[in-house]
Amino acid sequence: MIHLNHIKQLYFIGIGGIGMSALARYFKAKGVYVAGYDRTSTDLTKTLEKEGIQVNYKDEESLIPETILSNREDSLVVYTPAVPQDHKQFNLLKQKSFEVIKRAILLGLVTENKKCLAVAGTHGKTTTTAILGHLLKETGAKVTAFLGGISEDIQSNLIMQGDDVIVVEADEFDRSFLNLSPNIAAITSMDADHLDIYGDKSELEKSFKEFAAKVPGDGKLFVKNGLPLEAERIGINDDSDYSAQNIEIRDGSYVFDLQTPSGIIKELKFNLPGKHNLLNAITALAMAIEYGSPTDGLARALYSFRGVKRRFSYKIKTDKLVLIDDYAHHPTEISAVHQAVREMYPNKKVLAVFQPHLFSRTRDFAEDFASSLSDFDKVFLLDIYPARELPIEGISSAWLLDKISNTEKSLVEKSDLIEKVKAENAQVIVMMGAGDIGEEVEKVKKALLHEA
């Protein structure tokens, strides 16, 4: 049995991951010695180093800090499922009988015996978690929130304002969320995904139902209207328990009334575009209200929420040119981005630049990817980002491109991307994907601003 109050040192293998780095920051703030390994230096790992966390980037046993190696009893080793089986540091620490656990187990330990608000779903959980953490923080709750993205409001993936309530993103990958014990939970979506882990959609849905069953009888579960679960409903212009009504768009923002079981909250304003984001906001509001947040402060808190990096992030926003960066890597997410873009820019030419993520996901959802991408005025496809996978024979971006019905489409190499984008003269450019396309976004932004 692990008792966190006995742990004086933590070593994270894969410390640069969004979930891992939030935990590293949390324990560092608690006075625990924190160090870790990651394969590459990124903005996240550089920020951790600036905050006093030692990070090494070579898988060499000699780079594990001596203070960790010499204090096995007081140390805990945490790893991400992406760590390969032949990882030298990982195997050395296991051989030396260190306590070695997955990130999901550590998150479960942090949240046990605490009031826990957890947001699950194949799409929408990061933004919903960030909105919820922001609402609680801004209305005075003593909240810690572990976010799956970088909040634009605090430029961090960790809100740390006390331990009365903990907000977490409940990750379905590898069934991680089954380690949590939520008092209040939400499931934003249950679309097929991670079929490399689950095999088929029914197994994924079974896992979500197991997560839903973890909410105690005196707790509360919220789900998007239409999901096959017994729970409070979240919807738009319907008879859900919590529903947005009288929706208008004013100056690029949503203005709406929130119908709740106890009445109506009038004239809420929300700055993120897209009906999917509006559903995320309603879900976060419902959870905050159920927790006990004062409703008279929620309107101001919601209006001040600025979003999450790489979730419909505006990189350029002028009358003549818009550049949007989004993490969308599933057909449903791409369709949601398309809906948001068309709603905000109904008469403008939209260029989509997409980097497929994982060979298996590209194969499993090829027809759906082709359909969702075909809705844009023009499509550029980058090569598939392999992440944790080896190539699958016959599965490539060229193979996917053939399936896109829109004739305005082409394969583009990263080295040619800037010139190709500039040549299009598109009024709205949307760059999407979960790989390293974010780095290309910054290059494209710089080139377009320089030209302007």
Protein backbone atom coordinates (compact mmCIF):
# COMPACT_ATOMS: atom_id res chain seq x y z
CA MET A 1 0.00 0.00 0.00
CA ILE A 2 1.46 3.37 -1.06
CA HIS A 3 1.10 6.26 1.37
CA LEU A 4 1.85 9.50 -0.46
CA ASN A 5 2.63 11.37 2.74
CA HIS A 6 5.66 9.09 3.17
CA ILE A 7 7.03 9.87 -0.31
CA LYS A 8 9.84 12.43 -0.32
CA GLN A 9 11.06 11.93 -3.90
CA LEU A 10 9.43 11.29 -7.28
CA TYR A 11 11.04 10.27 -10.55
CA PHE A 12 8.84 10.58 -13.66
CA ILE A 13 9.70 8.57 -16.79
CA GLY A 14 7.97 10.55 -19.54
CA ILE A 15 7.83 13.73 -17.47
CA GLY A 16 7.13 15.91 -20.53
CA GLY A 17 3.66 14.45 -21.08
CA ILE A 18 0.79 16.82 -20.38
CA GLY A 19 -0.61 14.69 -17.56
CA MET A 20 2.77 13.74 -16.11
CA SER A 21 4.06 17.32 -16.03
CA ALA A 22 0.98 18.52 -14.11
CA LEU A 23 1.61 15.89 -11.44
CA ALA A 24 5.30 16.82 -11.36
CA ARG A 25 4.38 20.46 -10.75
CA TYR A 26 1.87 19.49 -8.06
CA PHE A 27 4.37 17.48 -6.02
CA LYS A 28 7.13 20.06 -6.50
CA ALA A 29 4.76 22.67 -5.03
CA LYS A 30 4.13 20.28 -2.12
CA GLY A 31 7.86 20.27 -1.29
CA VAL A 32 8.66 16.84 -2.75
CA TYR A 33 11.93 16.39 -4.68
CA VAL A 34 10.95 15.85 -8.35
CA ALA A 35 13.08 14.82 -11.32
CA GLY A 36 12.48 12.90 -14.53
CA TYR A 37 13.33 11.70 -18.00
CA ASP A 38 11.82 12.53 -21.37
CA ARG A 39 12.89 11.68 -24.88
CA THR A 40 12.98 15.24 -26.21
CA SER A 41 13.24 18.77 -24.92
CA THR A 42 9.99 20.70 -25.42
CA ASP A 43 8.45 23.94 -24.21
CA LEU A 44 6.85 21.94 -21.40
CA THR A 45 10.08 20.33 -20.22
CA LYS A 46 11.92 23.66 -20.45
CA THR A 47 9.25 25.21 -18.25
CA LEU A 48 9.63 22.38 -15.73
CA GLU A 49 13.39 23.01 -15.65
CA LYS A 50 12.81 26.72 -15.05
CA GLU A 51 10.61 25.72 -12.12
CA GLY A 52 13.50 23.78 -10.57
CA ILE A 53 12.73 20.26 -11.78
CA GLN A 54 15.73 18.29 -13.12
CA VAL A 55 15.03 16.66 -16.50
CA ASN A 56 17.36 14.39 -18.48
CA TYR A 57 16.91 13.50 -22.16
CA LYS A 58 19.08 10.40 -22.67
CA ASP A 59 18.03 6.96 -21.56
CA GLU A 60 21.17 6.31 -19.57
CA GLU A 61 21.19 4.77 -16.11
CA SER A 62 23.91 7.18 -14.95
CA LEU A 63 21.56 10.16 -15.47
CA ILE A 64 19.14 9.07 -12.76
CA PRO A 65 19.87 11.46 -9.87
CA GLU A 66 21.90 9.90 -7.07
CA THR A 67 19.45 11.18 -4.47
CA ILE A 68 16.79 8.95 -6.08
CA LEU A 69 19.01 5.87 -6.38
CA SER A 70 20.25 6.11 -2.80
CA ASN A 71 16.81 6.56 -1.19
CA ARG A 72 14.62 3.75 -2.47
CA GLU A 73 12.34 3.67 0.59
CA ASP A 74 11.35 7.33 0.25
CA SER A 75 11.04 7.36 -3.55
CA LEU A 76 8.30 6.62 -6.04
CA VAL A 77 8.81 6.05 -9.77
CA VAL A 78 5.98 7.02 -12.12
CA TYR A 79 5.81 6.11 -15.79
CA THR A 80 3.60 6.67 -18.81
CA PRO A 81 2.27 3.72 -20.90
CA ALA A 82 4.26 5.09 -23.86
CA VAL A 83 7.57 4.03 -22.23
CA PRO A 84 9.10 1.14 -24.24
CA GLN A 85 9.76 -2.20 -22.56
CA ASP A 86 13.52 -1.96 -23.13
CA HIS A 87 13.87 1.45 -21.43
CA LYS A 88 17.14 1.29 -19.46
CA GLN A 89 16.22 3.66 -16.63
CA PHE A 90 12.81 2.04 -16.21
CA ASN A 91 14.27 -1.46 -16.01
CA LEU A 92 17.10 -0.48 -13.65
CA LEU A 93 14.68 1.06 -11.17
CA LYS A 94 12.45 -2.02 -11.34
CA GLN A 95 15.48 -4.30 -10.80
CA LYS A 96 16.44 -2.27 -7.73
CA SER A 97 12.93 -2.90 -6.31
CA PHE A 98 11.70 0.68 -6.48
CA GLU A 99 7.95 1.19 -6.22
CA VAL A 100 7.01 1.74 -9.89
CA ILE A 101 3.47 2.80 -10.84
CA LYS A 102 1.59 4.22 -13.83
CA ARG A 103 0.59 7.87 -13.92
CA ALA A 104 -3.08 6.91 -13.68
CA ILE A 105 -2.51 5.13 -10.37
CA LEU A 106 -0.72 8.17 -8.93
CA LEU A 107 -3.60 10.42 -9.99
CA GLY A 108 -5.99 8.01 -8.29
CA LEU A 109 -3.94 8.16 -5.09
CA VAL A 110 -3.90 11.96 -5.16
CA THR A 111 -7.68 12.14 -5.50
CA GLU A 112 -8.75 9.38 -3.11
CA ASN A 113 -10.39 10.61 0.09
CA LYS A 114 -10.82 14.02 -1.56
CA LYS A 115 -13.86 15.59 -3.20
CA CYS A 116 -13.16 14.66 -6.84
CA LEU A 117 -14.80 16.11 -9.96
CA ALA A 118 -13.81 14.10 -13.05
CA VAL A 119 -14.49 14.74 -16.73
CA ALA A 120 -14.32 11.83 -19.19
CA GLY A 121 -15.06 11.52 -22.90
CA THR A 122 -13.37 10.73 -26.19
CA HIS A 123 -13.71 14.42 -27.12
CA GLY A 124 -14.20 17.56 -25.09
CA LYS A 125 -12.75 16.47 -21.76
CA THR A 126 -9.71 18.79 -21.82
CA THR A 127 -11.70 21.94 -22.54
CA THR A 128 -14.48 20.96 -20.11
CA THR A 129 -11.94 20.25 -17.35
CA ALA A 130 -10.23 23.58 -17.98
CA ILE A 131 -13.53 25.49 -17.90
CA LEU A 132 -14.59 23.69 -14.70
CA GLY A 133 -11.29 24.39 -12.96
CA HIS A 134 -11.52 28.03 -14.02
CA LEU A 135 -15.12 28.39 -12.79
CA LEU A 136 -14.26 26.94 -9.38
CA LYS A 137 -11.10 29.04 -9.05
CA GLU A 138 -12.83 32.26 -10.07
CA THR A 139 -15.76 31.69 -7.69
CA GLY A 140 -13.45 31.17 -4.72
CA ALA A 141 -13.20 27.40 -4.30
CA LYS A 142 -10.02 25.92 -2.83
CA VAL A 143 -9.40 23.84 -5.93
CA THR A 144 -6.58 21.85 -7.49
CA ALA A 145 -7.15 21.01 -11.17
CA PHE A 146 -5.05 18.68 -13.31
CA LEU A 147 -5.60 19.76 -16.91
CA GLY A 148 -4.89 17.86 -20.13
CA GLY A 149 -3.81 21.04 -21.89
CA ILE A 150 -2.29 24.43 -21.20
CA SER A 151 -4.89 26.92 -20.00
CA GLU A 152 -4.57 30.26 -21.76
CA ASP A 153 -5.65 31.98 -18.52
CA ILE A 154 -2.79 30.71 -16.32
CA GLN A 155 -0.36 29.40 -18.98
CA SER A 156 -0.17 26.12 -17.08
CA ASN A 157 -1.77 22.67 -16.88
CA LEU A 158 -2.17 22.91 -13.10
CA ILE A 159 -4.51 25.08 -11.04
CA MET A 160 -3.44 24.95 -7.40
CA GLN A 161 -5.55 26.99 -5.02
CA GLY A 162 -6.18 24.48 -2.23
CA ASP A 163 -7.23 20.86 -1.69
CA ASP A 164 -10.93 21.07 -0.80
CA VAL A 165 -11.83 19.81 -4.27
CA ILE A 166 -9.76 18.21 -7.05
CA VAL A 167 -10.73 18.47 -10.72
CA VAL A 168 -9.24 15.89 -13.07
CA GLU A 169 -9.38 14.93 -16.70
CA ALA A 170 -10.40 11.26 -16.71
CA ASP A 171 -8.49 9.59 -19.54
CA GLU A 172 -10.02 6.53 -21.22
CA PHE A 173 -6.74 5.56 -22.90
CA ASP A 174 -5.45 2.30 -21.39
CA ARG A 175 -8.55 2.40 -19.09
CA SER A 176 -6.69 4.90 -16.91
CA PHE A 177 -9.86 6.55 -15.59
CA LEU A 178 -10.89 3.41 -13.73
CA ASN A 179 -8.31 4.33 -11.08
CA LEU A 180 -10.37 7.37 -10.06
CA SER A 181 -13.13 7.67 -7.44
CA PRO A 182 -15.21 10.65 -8.59
CA ASN A 183 -17.95 12.25 -6.49
CA ILE A 184 -19.23 14.23 -9.46
CA ALA A 185 -18.42 13.11 -13.01
CA ALA A 186 -19.25 13.89 -16.61
CA ILE A 187 -18.99 11.95 -19.85
CA THR A 188 -18.89 14.29 -22.83
CA SER A 189 -18.78 11.65 -25.60
CA MET A 190 -18.24 7.94 -26.23
CA ASP A 191 -17.27 7.80 -29.91
CA ALA A 192 -15.10 4.92 -31.07
CA ASP A 193 -11.41 5.68 -30.52
CA HIS A 194 -8.26 3.97 -29.20
CA LEU A 195 -9.29 0.79 -30.99
CA ASP A 196 -5.62 -0.29 -30.81
CA ILE A 197 -6.30 -0.65 -27.07
CA TYR A 198 -9.98 -1.66 -26.96
CA GLY A 199 -10.39 -3.70 -30.15
CA ASP A 200 -13.93 -2.48 -30.85
CA LYS A 201 -16.40 0.23 -29.83
CA SER A 202 -18.40 -2.06 -27.52
CA GLU A 203 -15.36 -2.61 -25.29
CA LEU A 204 -14.76 1.15 -25.16
CA GLU A 205 -18.38 1.75 -24.17
CA LYS A 206 -18.14 -0.97 -21.52
CA SER A 207 -15.16 0.87 -20.03
CA PHE A 208 -17.12 4.15 -19.90
CA LYS A 209 -20.00 2.36 -18.17
CA GLU A 210 -17.54 1.02 -15.58
CA PHE A 211 -16.33 4.58 -15.03
CA ALA A 212 -19.93 5.82 -14.67
CA ALA A 213 -20.59 3.11 -12.07
CA LYS A 214 -17.79 4.50 -9.90
CA VAL A 215 -19.90 7.57 -9.06
CA PRO A 216 -21.48 6.85 -5.64
CA GLY A 217 -25.20 6.95 -4.92
CA ASP A 218 -24.93 10.37 -3.31
CA GLY A 219 -22.86 11.71 -6.22
CA LYS A 220 -23.91 12.97 -9.62
CA LEU A 221 -23.17 11.93 -13.22
CA PHE A 222 -23.72 14.25 -16.19
CA VAL A 223 -23.75 13.08 -19.82
CA LYS A 224 -24.40 14.64 -23.19
CA ASN A 225 -28.00 14.07 -24.20
CA GLY A 226 -28.26 10.90 -26.29
CA LEU A 227 -25.60 8.80 -24.55
CA PRO A 228 -26.89 5.40 -23.32
CA LEU A 229 -26.36 6.04 -19.61
CA GLU A 230 -28.61 6.82 -16.65
CA ALA A 231 -27.57 10.33 -15.69
CA GLU A 232 -28.40 14.02 -15.67
CA ARG A 233 -28.57 15.30 -19.27
CA ILE A 234 -26.66 18.14 -20.93
CA GLY A 235 -28.06 19.65 -24.14
CA ILE A 236 -28.70 22.59 -26.45
CA ASN A 237 -32.23 23.83 -27.15
CA ASP A 238 -33.80 20.69 -25.71
CA ASP A 239 -35.40 19.48 -22.48
CA SER A 240 -32.15 18.31 -20.87
CA ASP A 241 -31.61 18.88 -17.14
CA TYR A 242 -29.06 21.57 -18.06
CA SER A 243 -29.63 23.17 -21.44
CA ALA A 244 -28.56 26.28 -23.36
CA GLN A 245 -31.58 28.24 -24.61
CA ASN A 246 -32.10 31.45 -26.61
CA ILE A 247 -28.62 31.22 -28.15
CA GLU A 248 -27.26 34.21 -30.08
CA ILE A 249 -23.86 35.08 -31.51
CA ARG A 250 -22.76 38.61 -30.64
CA ASP A 251 -19.32 39.92 -31.65
CA GLY A 252 -18.02 36.37 -32.11
CA SER A 253 -19.25 35.14 -28.70
CA TYR A 254 -22.18 33.00 -27.63
CA VAL A 255 -24.85 34.63 -25.48
CA PHE A 256 -27.37 32.21 -23.98
CA ASP A 257 -29.66 31.39 -21.07
CA LEU A 258 -28.90 28.29 -19.01
CA GLN A 259 -31.92 26.21 -18.01
CA THR A 260 -31.17 24.30 -14.77
CA PRO A 261 -33.34 22.06 -12.56
CA SER A 262 -33.79 25.00 -10.17
CA GLY A 263 -34.35 27.83 -12.66
CA ILE A 264 -32.80 29.90 -15.44
CA ILE A 265 -29.49 31.79 -15.41
CA LYS A 266 -29.88 34.61 -17.94
CA GLU A 267 -27.47 36.15 -20.44
CA LEU A 268 -24.36 34.03 -20.00
CA LYS A 269 -21.51 34.93 -22.37
CA PHE A 270 -18.94 32.45 -23.66
CA ASN A 271 -16.05 33.26 -25.97
CA LEU A 272 -15.11 29.88 -27.52
CA PRO A 273 -16.72 29.13 -30.90
CA GLY A 274 -18.52 25.93 -31.88
CA LYS A 275 -21.54 24.05 -30.53
CA HIS A 276 -19.16 21.39 -29.14
CA ASN A 277 -17.53 24.03 -26.96
CA LEU A 278 -20.92 25.35 -25.88
CA LEU A 279 -21.78 21.81 -24.69
CA ASN A 280 -18.45 21.70 -22.85
CA ALA A 281 -19.33 24.96 -21.10
CA ILE A 282 -22.80 23.74 -20.09
CA THR A 283 -21.26 20.55 -18.67
CA ALA A 284 -18.72 22.53 -16.63
CA LEU A 285 -21.44 24.89 -15.39
CA ALA A 286 -23.62 21.93 -14.33
CA MET A 287 -20.76 20.35 -12.39
CA ALA A 288 -19.84 23.64 -10.73
CA ILE A 289 -23.45 24.26 -9.71
CA GLU A 290 -23.76 20.71 -8.36
CA TYR A 291 -20.54 21.21 -6.38
CA GLY A 292 -22.03 24.33 -4.82
CA SER A 293 -20.39 27.22 -6.65
CA PRO A 294 -22.29 30.48 -6.12
CA THR A 295 -24.36 30.99 -9.27
CA ASP A 296 -24.09 34.78 -9.05
CA GLY A 297 -20.36 34.52 -9.80
CA LEU A 298 -20.53 31.99 -12.62
CA ALA A 299 -21.46 34.45 -15.39
CA ARG A 300 -18.37 36.59 -14.82
CA ALA A 301 -16.16 33.50 -14.44
CA LEU A 302 -17.40 31.93 -17.69
CA TYR A 303 -16.98 35.14 -19.67
CA SER A 304 -13.37 35.48 -18.51
CA PHE A 305 -12.36 31.98 -19.70
CA ARG A 306 -9.88 32.33 -22.56
CA GLY A 307 -9.51 28.73 -23.70
CA VAL A 308 -6.91 26.00 -23.91
CA LYS A 309 -3.86 26.03 -26.17
CA ARG A 310 -4.39 24.10 -29.40
CA ARG A 311 -8.16 23.94 -28.88
CA PHE A 312 -9.47 26.31 -31.58
CA SER A 313 -6.62 28.67 -30.71
CA TYR A 314 -6.49 31.82 -32.81
CA LYS A 315 -2.89 32.40 -33.96
CA ILE A 316 -3.90 35.21 -36.35
CA LYS A 317 -7.27 36.95 -36.19
CA THR A 318 -7.77 39.95 -38.48
CA ASP A 319 -10.50 41.03 -40.88
CA LYS A 320 -8.49 39.67 -43.81
CA LEU A 321 -6.83 36.56 -42.35
CA VAL A 322 -7.56 33.98 -39.67
CA LEU A 323 -5.17 31.17 -38.63
CA ILE A 324 -6.55 28.59 -36.19
CA ASP A 325 -4.60 25.84 -34.41
CA ASP A 326 -6.54 22.82 -33.13
CA TYR A 327 -5.68 19.45 -31.58
CA ALA A 328 -8.44 17.68 -33.57
CA HIS A 329 -7.26 14.17 -34.49
CA HIS A 330 -10.56 12.24 -34.77
CA PRO A 331 -13.27 12.66 -37.45
CA THR A 332 -15.84 13.88 -34.90
CA GLU A 333 -13.43 16.57 -33.70
CA ILE A 334 -12.66 17.66 -37.27
CA SER A 335 -16.39 17.98 -37.97
CA ALA A 336 -16.80 20.05 -34.79
CA VAL A 337 -14.02 22.41 -35.91
CA HIS A 338 -15.65 22.70 -39.33
CA GLN A 339 -19.01 23.58 -37.76
CA ALA A 340 -17.39 26.25 -35.61
CA VAL A 341 -15.49 27.78 -38.54
CA ARG A 342 -18.57 27.90 -40.79
CA GLU A 343 -20.64 29.43 -38.00
CA MET A 344 -18.08 32.17 -37.33
CA TYR A 345 -16.93 32.73 -40.95
CA PRO A 346 -19.90 31.70 -43.14
CA ASN A 347 -18.77 33.22 -46.43
CA LYS A 348 -15.00 32.77 -46.35
CA LYS A 349 -12.71 30.26 -48.08
CA VAL A 350 -11.39 27.76 -45.55
CA LEU A 351 -8.17 25.77 -46.02
CA ALA A 352 -7.68 22.74 -43.75
CA VAL A 353 -4.17 21.44 -43.07
CA PHE A 354 -4.36 18.05 -41.34
CA GLN A 355 -1.67 15.76 -39.92
CA PRO A 356 -3.15 12.29 -39.30
CA HIS A 357 -2.15 10.80 -35.93
CA LEU A 358 -1.37 7.07 -35.70
CA PHE A 359 -1.47 4.56 -38.56
CA SER A 360 -4.08 2.48 -36.72
CA ARG A 361 -6.45 5.43 -36.14
CA THR A 362 -6.07 6.48 -39.81
CA ARG A 363 -6.93 2.92 -40.90
CA ASP A 364 -9.82 2.45 -38.46
CA PHE A 365 -11.59 5.73 -39.31
CA ALA A 366 -10.47 6.33 -42.90
CA GLU A 367 -13.96 6.77 -44.37
CA ASP A 368 -15.00 9.13 -41.57
CA PHE A 369 -11.79 11.15 -41.89
CA ALA A 370 -12.37 11.45 -45.64
CA SER A 371 -15.96 12.60 -45.09
CA SER A 372 -15.16 15.21 -42.43
CA LEU A 373 -12.17 16.64 -44.35
CA SER A 374 -14.14 16.85 -47.60
CA ASP A 375 -16.34 19.57 -46.07
CA PHE A 376 -13.54 22.15 -46.16
CA ASP A 377 -12.93 24.24 -49.29
CA LYS A 378 -9.42 22.84 -49.69
CA VAL A 379 -7.40 20.17 -47.88
CA PHE A 380 -3.66 19.73 -47.39
CA LEU A 381 -2.56 16.42 -45.87
CA LEU A 382 0.78 16.00 -44.11
CA ASP A 383 2.36 12.59 -43.57
CA ILE A 384 0.95 10.43 -40.76
CA TYR A 385 2.50 11.15 -37.36
CA PRO A 386 3.42 7.67 -36.03
CA ALA A 387 3.64 8.50 -32.29
CA ARG A 388 4.00 5.13 -30.54
CA GLU A 389 3.41 2.99 -33.67
CA LEU A 390 5.37 1.37 -36.47
CA PRO A 391 4.06 1.84 -40.03
CA ILE A 392 1.18 -0.37 -41.24
CA GLU A 393 1.53 -1.61 -44.80
CA GLY A 394 -0.73 0.24 -47.22
CA ILE A 395 -1.78 2.90 -44.72
CA SER A 396 -0.49 6.35 -45.66
CA SER A 397 -1.65 9.90 -46.17
CA ALA A 398 -1.72 9.26 -49.94
CA TRP A 399 -4.11 6.34 -49.30
CA LEU A 400 -6.33 8.59 -47.19
CA LEU A 401 -6.19 11.42 -49.73
CA ASP A 402 -7.65 9.13 -52.41
CA LYS A 403 -10.74 8.65 -50.23
CA ILE A 404 -11.45 12.40 -49.88
CA SER A 405 -14.25 13.31 -52.29
CA ASN A 406 -13.32 17.00 -52.46
CA THR A 407 -11.12 17.46 -55.55
CA GLU A 408 -9.39 20.47 -53.97
CA LYS A 409 -6.84 18.38 -52.08
CA SER A 410 -3.13 17.57 -52.08
CA LEU A 411 -0.30 15.96 -50.14
CA VAL A 412 2.17 18.47 -48.79
CA GLU A 413 5.63 17.98 -47.31
CA LYS A 414 6.45 19.99 -44.21
CA SER A 415 9.31 21.65 -46.11
CA ASP A 416 6.86 22.98 -48.71
CA LEU A 417 4.00 23.86 -46.36
CA ILE A 418 4.64 27.57 -45.92
CA GLU A 419 4.88 28.30 -49.64
CA LYS A 420 1.81 26.17 -50.43
CA VAL A 421 -0.27 27.89 -47.73
CA LYS A 422 0.80 31.35 -48.88
CA ALA A 423 -0.05 30.51 -52.50
CA GLU A 424 -3.66 29.62 -51.58
CA ASN A 425 -4.62 33.09 -50.32
CA ALA A 426 -7.21 31.45 -48.09
CA GLN A 427 -9.08 33.78 -45.74
CA VAL A 428 -9.31 31.15 -42.99
CA ILE A 429 -6.62 28.52 -42.38
CA VAL A 430 -7.24 25.69 -39.91
CA MET A 431 -4.29 23.48 -38.91
CA MET A 432 -5.27 20.28 -37.10
CA GLY A 433 -3.64 17.23 -35.54
CA ALA A 434 -2.22 15.71 -32.35
CA GLY A 435 1.34 15.16 -33.57
CA ASP A 436 4.02 17.81 -34.07
CA ILE A 437 1.91 20.01 -36.37
CA GLY A 438 1.86 22.63 -33.60
CA GLU A 439 5.48 23.41 -34.47
CA GLU A 440 4.48 23.93 -38.13
CA VAL A 441 1.68 26.27 -37.03
CA GLU A 442 4.21 28.61 -35.46
CA LYS A 443 6.31 28.62 -38.65
CA VAL A 444 3.26 29.33 -40.82
CA LYS A 445 2.14 32.10 -38.46
CA LYS A 446 5.53 33.75 -38.59
CA ALA A 447 5.67 33.58 -42.41
CA LEU A 448 2.14 34.98 -42.84
CA LEU A 449 2.71 37.83 -40.39
CA HIS A 450 6.03 38.67 -42.04
CA GLU A 451 4.32 38.84 -45.44
CA ALA A 452 1.55 41.02 -44.04
